[in-house]
């Protein structure tokens, strides 16, 4: 029997929802069920044919669950949407992954706020699932970033501080002094975190502590590209920021001034623009790829250009993804 706090009942509505009762309740996460016969994979194009169920329930997504586990905060856990069926059990229509994390992190007795619907048909359950999971306007990365600063997110607070230390800003669109590539900046911060110190629980220590010989990537990368092309919108292209970061992450001892000169095309008949670097990366990416997938081949091209003219093996950079030199 589910342990439920005293519910607050919402008056029944007329029209299509007549007969459906709604209430707010706190329910043990151990008593929130997933109907394995319901399958959202068909709705979202990840399952077909006889494997697709007639209704809608998101299958367990390991990657998404892992992400929720990492960012777990009981205070920020929003109410689940639950269907109380005739069998007396509560079935999740929205909140499957976060409930799974709650069980793992807090145990099955953890009470979760729930919006409970009673008397739903299969069709109505499906409509509620779609309303919660598909019919939402995507939030722009910058808007998420901006709000996370207000919420005190340590990673994004660090990103903003490092960008502002160079008299630059972060915005929803790129300009000479504003960087709009929020996802690229986040990728750079994550690269740093791979090497950073952690406490006994495995959580990152803030302020970030990096090993000797390593410096935060964001300031380095921004200085390198600014020295190459100056301050203009093209300088802050996400694909370029990622690629230069990949080079420096693999080669923390690289000469930044040489890297800037090579990016700008010093010594060549004509300067090399960011657009030309991007064209080279697209040509070396199967199917063109997105900015993230194009960054890896671009990083290798940059390493090849950097190494051109060097004769001392100790000065050569290692392409990202390759093992250390003997």
Protein backbone atom coordinates (compact mmCIF):
# COMPACT_ATOMS: atom_id res chain seq x y z
CA UNK A 1 0.00 0.00 0.00
CA UNK A 2 1.45 3.35 -1.02
CA UNK A 3 2.32 5.76 1.77
CA UNK A 4 0.64 8.98 0.71
CA UNK A 5 0.52 12.32 2.47
CA UNK A 6 -2.90 13.95 2.84
CA UNK A 7 -3.76 14.94 -0.75
CA UNK A 8 -5.12 18.26 -1.90
CA UNK A 9 -8.02 17.51 -4.22
CA UNK A 10 -8.71 19.52 -7.36
CA UNK A 11 -12.41 19.84 -8.24
CA UNK A 12 -13.59 17.65 -11.12
CA UNK A 13 -13.95 19.39 -14.49
CA UNK A 14 -16.72 19.22 -17.03
CA UNK A 15 -16.28 18.29 -20.71
CA UNK A 16 -13.60 15.77 -21.84
CA UNK A 17 -12.11 15.51 -18.34
CA UNK A 18 -15.43 14.72 -16.67
CA UNK A 19 -14.98 11.73 -14.41
CA UNK A 20 -11.24 12.30 -14.04
CA UNK A 21 -10.24 13.19 -10.49
CA UNK A 22 -7.04 15.11 -9.78
CA UNK A 23 -5.14 15.51 -6.54
CA UNK A 24 -1.72 16.47 -5.22
CA UNK A 25 0.03 13.95 -2.99
CA UNK A 26 3.40 12.87 -1.65
CA UNK A 27 4.03 9.25 -2.62
CA UNK A 28 6.89 6.90 -1.78
CA UNK A 29 9.10 6.59 -4.85
CA UNK A 30 9.16 2.87 -4.15
CA UNK A 31 5.41 2.81 -4.81
CA UNK A 32 5.60 4.58 -8.18
CA UNK A 33 5.36 2.03 -10.97
CA UNK A 34 6.25 1.84 -14.65
CA UNK A 35 3.96 -0.18 -16.90
CA UNK A 36 6.45 -2.15 -18.99
CA UNK A 37 3.77 -2.84 -21.59
CA UNK A 38 3.61 0.86 -22.40
CA UNK A 39 6.33 1.99 -24.75
CA UNK A 40 7.13 5.53 -25.87
CA UNK A 41 9.86 4.31 -28.22
CA UNK A 42 7.36 4.00 -31.07
CA UNK A 43 6.23 7.60 -30.58
CA UNK A 44 9.76 8.94 -30.61
CA UNK A 45 11.02 6.86 -33.53
CA UNK A 46 13.32 4.50 -31.62
CA UNK A 47 11.21 1.36 -31.95
CA UNK A 48 9.06 -0.14 -34.68
CA UNK A 49 6.63 -2.92 -35.56
CA UNK A 50 5.54 -5.50 -33.04
CA UNK A 51 8.08 -4.18 -30.52
CA UNK A 52 6.13 -0.92 -30.20
CA UNK A 53 3.51 -0.72 -27.48
CA UNK A 54 0.07 0.87 -27.93
CA UNK A 55 0.54 3.62 -25.34
CA UNK A 56 3.31 5.93 -24.20
CA UNK A 57 5.96 5.50 -21.56
CA UNK A 58 9.61 6.42 -21.94
CA UNK A 59 11.99 3.47 -21.83
CA UNK A 60 14.87 3.63 -19.42
CA UNK A 61 17.53 5.89 -20.90
CA UNK A 62 20.82 5.05 -19.23
CA UNK A 63 22.65 8.18 -20.35
CA UNK A 64 19.88 10.52 -19.22
CA UNK A 65 19.54 8.74 -15.88
CA UNK A 66 23.29 9.05 -15.33
CA UNK A 67 23.08 12.77 -16.03
CA UNK A 68 20.22 13.20 -13.56
CA UNK A 69 22.20 11.26 -10.95
CA UNK A 70 25.15 13.60 -11.33
CA UNK A 71 23.01 16.74 -10.93
CA UNK A 72 20.68 15.32 -8.25
CA UNK A 73 19.07 17.93 -5.99
CA UNK A 74 15.97 16.86 -4.00
CA UNK A 75 14.85 20.48 -3.64
CA UNK A 76 14.71 20.93 -7.42
CA UNK A 77 12.74 17.72 -8.03
CA UNK A 78 9.53 18.71 -9.79
CA UNK A 79 6.24 16.84 -9.21
CA UNK A 80 5.77 13.63 -11.16
CA UNK A 81 2.63 13.06 -13.22
CA UNK A 82 0.94 9.86 -12.06
CA UNK A 83 -2.07 7.81 -13.10
CA UNK A 84 -3.90 6.01 -10.29
CA UNK A 85 -5.49 3.01 -11.98
CA UNK A 86 -8.25 0.65 -11.01
CA UNK A 87 -5.72 -1.84 -9.62
CA UNK A 88 -4.84 0.72 -6.94
CA UNK A 89 -1.29 1.27 -8.19
CA UNK A 90 0.30 4.56 -9.21
CA UNK A 91 1.87 4.53 -12.69
CA UNK A 92 4.29 7.21 -13.87
CA UNK A 93 3.35 9.20 -16.95
CA UNK A 94 6.18 11.68 -16.45
CA UNK A 95 9.16 11.48 -14.12
CA UNK A 96 10.35 7.91 -14.68
CA UNK A 97 14.05 8.71 -14.85
CA UNK A 98 14.10 11.13 -11.92
CA UNK A 99 12.11 8.67 -9.81
CA UNK A 100 14.67 5.97 -10.60
CA UNK A 101 17.42 8.34 -9.45
CA UNK A 102 15.46 9.23 -6.30
CA UNK A 103 15.25 5.54 -5.36
CA UNK A 104 18.99 5.16 -5.94
CA UNK A 105 20.03 8.33 -4.09
CA UNK A 106 17.44 8.60 -1.32
CA UNK A 107 15.93 5.12 -1.00
CA UNK A 108 12.41 3.79 -1.69
CA UNK A 109 10.83 5.64 1.26
CA UNK A 110 11.63 9.07 -0.19
CA UNK A 111 8.37 11.00 -0.65
CA UNK A 112 7.91 12.60 -4.03
CA UNK A 113 5.39 15.30 -4.86
CA UNK A 114 2.96 13.99 -7.45
CA UNK A 115 0.07 15.28 -9.53
CA UNK A 116 -2.26 12.29 -9.42
CA UNK A 117 -4.92 11.60 -12.06
CA UNK A 118 -7.57 9.00 -11.33
CA UNK A 119 -9.96 7.57 -13.90
CA UNK A 120 -7.86 8.15 -17.02
CA UNK A 121 -8.43 6.18 -20.18
CA UNK A 122 -5.44 4.80 -22.13
CA UNK A 123 -5.91 7.60 -24.65
CA UNK A 124 -5.88 10.25 -21.93
CA UNK A 125 -2.72 8.77 -20.41
CA UNK A 126 -1.05 8.99 -23.81
CA UNK A 127 -2.11 12.62 -24.25
CA UNK A 128 -0.70 13.57 -20.84
CA UNK A 129 2.56 11.82 -21.64
CA UNK A 130 2.90 13.73 -24.90
CA UNK A 131 2.05 17.02 -23.21
CA UNK A 132 4.80 16.43 -20.66
CA UNK A 133 7.48 15.06 -22.97
CA UNK A 134 6.92 16.14 -26.57
CA UNK A 135 4.78 19.26 -26.60
CA UNK A 136 7.26 21.60 -24.99
CA UNK A 137 9.16 24.47 -26.51
CA UNK A 138 12.88 23.84 -26.28
CA UNK A 139 14.73 26.22 -23.97
CA UNK A 140 17.69 27.95 -25.60
CA UNK A 141 21.13 27.10 -24.18
CA UNK A 142 21.82 30.72 -23.20
CA UNK A 143 18.54 30.98 -21.28
CA UNK A 144 19.41 27.82 -19.35
CA UNK A 145 22.88 29.22 -18.70
CA UNK A 146 21.56 32.59 -17.51
CA UNK A 147 19.08 31.05 -15.09
CA UNK A 148 21.68 28.58 -13.81
CA UNK A 149 23.89 31.51 -12.78
CA UNK A 150 21.05 32.82 -10.61
CA UNK A 151 20.65 29.30 -9.19
CA UNK A 152 24.34 29.26 -8.20
CA UNK A 153 25.48 26.50 -10.55
CA UNK A 154 29.25 26.19 -9.86
CA UNK A 155 30.30 25.18 -13.36
CA UNK A 156 28.48 27.96 -15.16
CA UNK A 157 29.49 30.49 -12.51
CA UNK A 158 33.10 29.55 -13.23
CA UNK A 159 32.57 29.81 -16.99
CA UNK A 160 31.13 33.31 -16.66
CA UNK A 161 33.94 34.44 -14.37
CA UNK A 162 36.63 33.17 -16.74
CA UNK A 163 35.02 34.83 -19.76
CA UNK A 164 34.51 38.12 -17.92
CA UNK A 165 38.14 38.07 -16.75
CA UNK A 166 39.00 38.85 -20.39
CA UNK A 167 36.48 41.72 -20.58
CA UNK A 168 34.16 39.54 -22.65
CA UNK A 169 30.59 38.52 -22.02
CA UNK A 170 28.20 35.67 -22.79
CA UNK A 171 25.00 36.33 -24.72
CA UNK A 172 22.26 34.67 -26.72
CA UNK A 173 23.92 35.91 -29.92
CA UNK A 174 27.55 36.46 -30.83
CA UNK A 175 29.09 39.90 -31.33
CA UNK A 176 32.59 41.34 -31.13
CA UNK A 177 32.63 41.26 -27.33
CA UNK A 178 29.92 38.69 -26.61
CA UNK A 179 30.20 34.92 -27.01
CA UNK A 180 27.04 33.07 -27.98
CA UNK A 181 28.58 29.57 -28.17
CA UNK A 182 27.38 28.54 -24.71
CA UNK A 183 27.53 24.82 -25.44
CA UNK A 184 31.12 25.12 -26.65
CA UNK A 185 32.13 26.98 -23.49
CA UNK A 186 30.46 24.25 -21.45
CA UNK A 187 32.43 21.61 -23.37
CA UNK A 188 35.66 23.43 -22.48
CA UNK A 189 34.71 23.52 -18.81
CA UNK A 190 33.98 19.78 -18.87
CA UNK A 191 37.44 19.13 -20.35
CA UNK A 192 38.98 20.90 -17.34
CA UNK A 193 36.84 18.90 -14.94
CA UNK A 194 38.27 15.62 -16.24
CA UNK A 195 41.61 16.60 -14.68
CA UNK A 196 40.37 18.48 -11.61
CA UNK A 197 40.62 17.40 -7.98
CA UNK A 198 37.66 15.71 -6.33
CA UNK A 199 36.69 15.12 -2.73
CA UNK A 200 36.17 11.75 -1.03
CA UNK A 201 32.64 11.46 -2.43
CA UNK A 202 33.90 12.00 -5.98
CA UNK A 203 32.46 15.52 -6.28
CA UNK A 204 34.50 18.29 -7.84
CA UNK A 205 36.30 20.65 -5.49
CA UNK A 206 35.51 24.33 -6.01
CA UNK A 207 37.33 26.55 -6.77
CA UNK A 208 38.59 24.08 -9.36
CA UNK A 209 42.01 22.61 -8.60
CA UNK A 210 43.96 21.49 -11.69
CA UNK A 211 47.21 19.47 -11.76
CA UNK A 212 50.50 21.29 -12.04
CA UNK A 213 51.18 22.28 -15.64
CA UNK A 214 47.50 22.71 -16.52
CA UNK A 215 45.59 25.97 -16.67
CA UNK A 216 41.86 26.56 -17.28
CA UNK A 217 41.10 26.11 -20.96
CA UNK A 218 38.56 28.89 -21.49
CA UNK A 219 40.96 31.83 -20.91
CA UNK A 220 43.69 30.15 -22.95
CA UNK A 221 41.45 29.34 -25.89
CA UNK A 222 39.85 32.76 -25.99
CA UNK A 223 43.25 34.46 -25.94
CA UNK A 224 44.57 32.21 -28.71
CA UNK A 225 41.68 32.86 -31.10
CA UNK A 226 41.60 36.58 -30.30
CA UNK A 227 45.33 36.87 -31.03
CA UNK A 228 44.71 35.08 -34.32
CA UNK A 229 41.69 37.03 -35.61
CA UNK A 230 40.93 39.85 -33.21
CA UNK A 231 37.54 40.48 -31.66
CA UNK A 232 34.77 39.85 -34.14
CA UNK A 233 31.80 37.46 -34.22
CA UNK A 234 33.57 34.86 -36.37
CA UNK A 235 36.38 34.54 -33.81
CA UNK A 236 34.05 33.00 -31.24
CA UNK A 237 32.73 30.17 -33.47
CA UNK A 238 31.88 27.16 -31.33
CA UNK A 239 33.60 24.65 -33.60
CA UNK A 240 36.87 26.61 -33.40
CA UNK A 241 36.70 27.03 -29.62
CA UNK A 242 36.15 23.29 -29.21
CA UNK A 243 38.94 22.34 -31.62
CA UNK A 244 41.55 24.63 -30.07
CA UNK A 245 40.54 23.36 -26.63
CA UNK A 246 40.99 19.75 -27.77
CA UNK A 247 44.50 20.61 -28.98
CA UNK A 248 45.46 22.32 -25.70
CA UNK A 249 43.80 19.66 -23.55
CA UNK A 250 45.96 17.02 -25.24
CA UNK A 251 49.03 19.28 -25.29
CA UNK A 252 49.02 21.56 -22.22
CA UNK A 253 52.58 22.67 -22.97
CA UNK A 254 51.84 24.00 -26.47
CA UNK A 255 53.24 27.42 -27.38
CA UNK A 256 50.16 29.65 -27.49
CA UNK A 257 51.78 32.37 -29.59
CA UNK A 258 52.82 29.83 -32.25
CA UNK A 259 49.33 28.34 -32.21
CA UNK A 260 47.77 31.76 -32.78
CA UNK A 261 50.13 32.53 -35.66
CA UNK A 262 49.43 29.18 -37.32
CA UNK A 263 45.68 29.70 -37.00
CA UNK A 264 45.94 33.14 -38.59
CA UNK A 265 48.09 31.80 -41.44
CA UNK A 266 51.22 33.82 -40.70
CA UNK A 267 53.90 33.04 -43.25
CA UNK A 268 51.39 32.14 -45.94
CA UNK A 269 50.48 34.22 -48.95
CA UNK A 270 47.04 34.98 -47.54
CA UNK A 271 45.66 34.91 -44.00
CA UNK A 272 43.53 31.92 -43.04
CA UNK A 273 40.03 32.76 -41.84
CA UNK A 274 37.81 30.90 -39.41
CA UNK A 275 35.49 30.12 -42.32
CA UNK A 276 38.33 28.42 -44.21
CA UNK A 277 39.21 26.30 -41.18
CA UNK A 278 35.57 25.29 -40.91
CA UNK A 279 35.47 24.29 -44.57
CA UNK A 280 38.49 22.05 -44.01
CA UNK A 281 36.83 20.37 -41.05
CA UNK A 282 33.62 19.73 -43.00
CA UNK A 283 35.60 18.16 -45.82
CA UNK A 284 37.18 15.79 -43.29
CA UNK A 285 33.93 14.83 -41.56
CA UNK A 286 31.70 12.04 -42.84
CA UNK A 287 28.31 13.51 -43.74
CA UNK A 288 29.36 17.01 -42.73
CA UNK A 289 28.56 16.48 -39.04
CA UNK A 290 27.61 19.04 -36.42
CA UNK A 291 29.88 21.52 -34.68
CA UNK A 292 30.83 18.97 -32.04
CA UNK A 293 31.70 16.15 -34.47
CA UNK A 294 33.57 18.53 -36.80
CA UNK A 295 35.78 19.75 -33.97
CA UNK A 296 37.80 16.51 -33.78
CA UNK A 297 38.99 16.52 -37.41
CA UNK A 298 39.58 20.27 -37.18
CA UNK A 299 41.77 19.75 -34.10
CA UNK A 300 43.89 17.24 -36.03
CA UNK A 301 44.26 19.67 -38.94
CA UNK A 302 45.35 22.39 -36.52
CA UNK A 303 47.95 20.06 -34.97
CA UNK A 304 49.34 19.22 -38.42
CA UNK A 305 49.64 22.92 -39.25
CA UNK A 306 51.27 23.68 -35.89
CA UNK A 307 53.85 20.91 -36.40
CA UNK A 308 54.76 22.06 -39.91
CA UNK A 309 58.33 23.37 -39.85
CA UNK A 310 59.27 21.84 -36.49
CA UNK A 311 62.22 19.43 -36.42
CA UNK A 312 62.58 18.74 -32.71
CA UNK A 313 60.30 15.79 -31.82
CA UNK A 314 59.87 17.18 -28.31
CA UNK A 315 58.15 20.27 -29.73
CA UNK A 316 55.64 18.37 -31.84
CA UNK A 317 52.03 18.33 -30.69
CA UNK A 318 50.11 15.08 -30.37
CA UNK A 319 46.76 14.92 -32.18
CA UNK A 320 43.79 14.46 -29.84
CA UNK A 321 42.95 10.78 -29.40
CA UNK A 322 46.49 9.53 -29.89
CA UNK A 323 48.59 7.96 -27.09
CA UNK A 324 51.60 9.75 -25.64
CA UNK A 325 54.90 9.77 -27.48
CA UNK A 326 57.45 7.20 -26.31
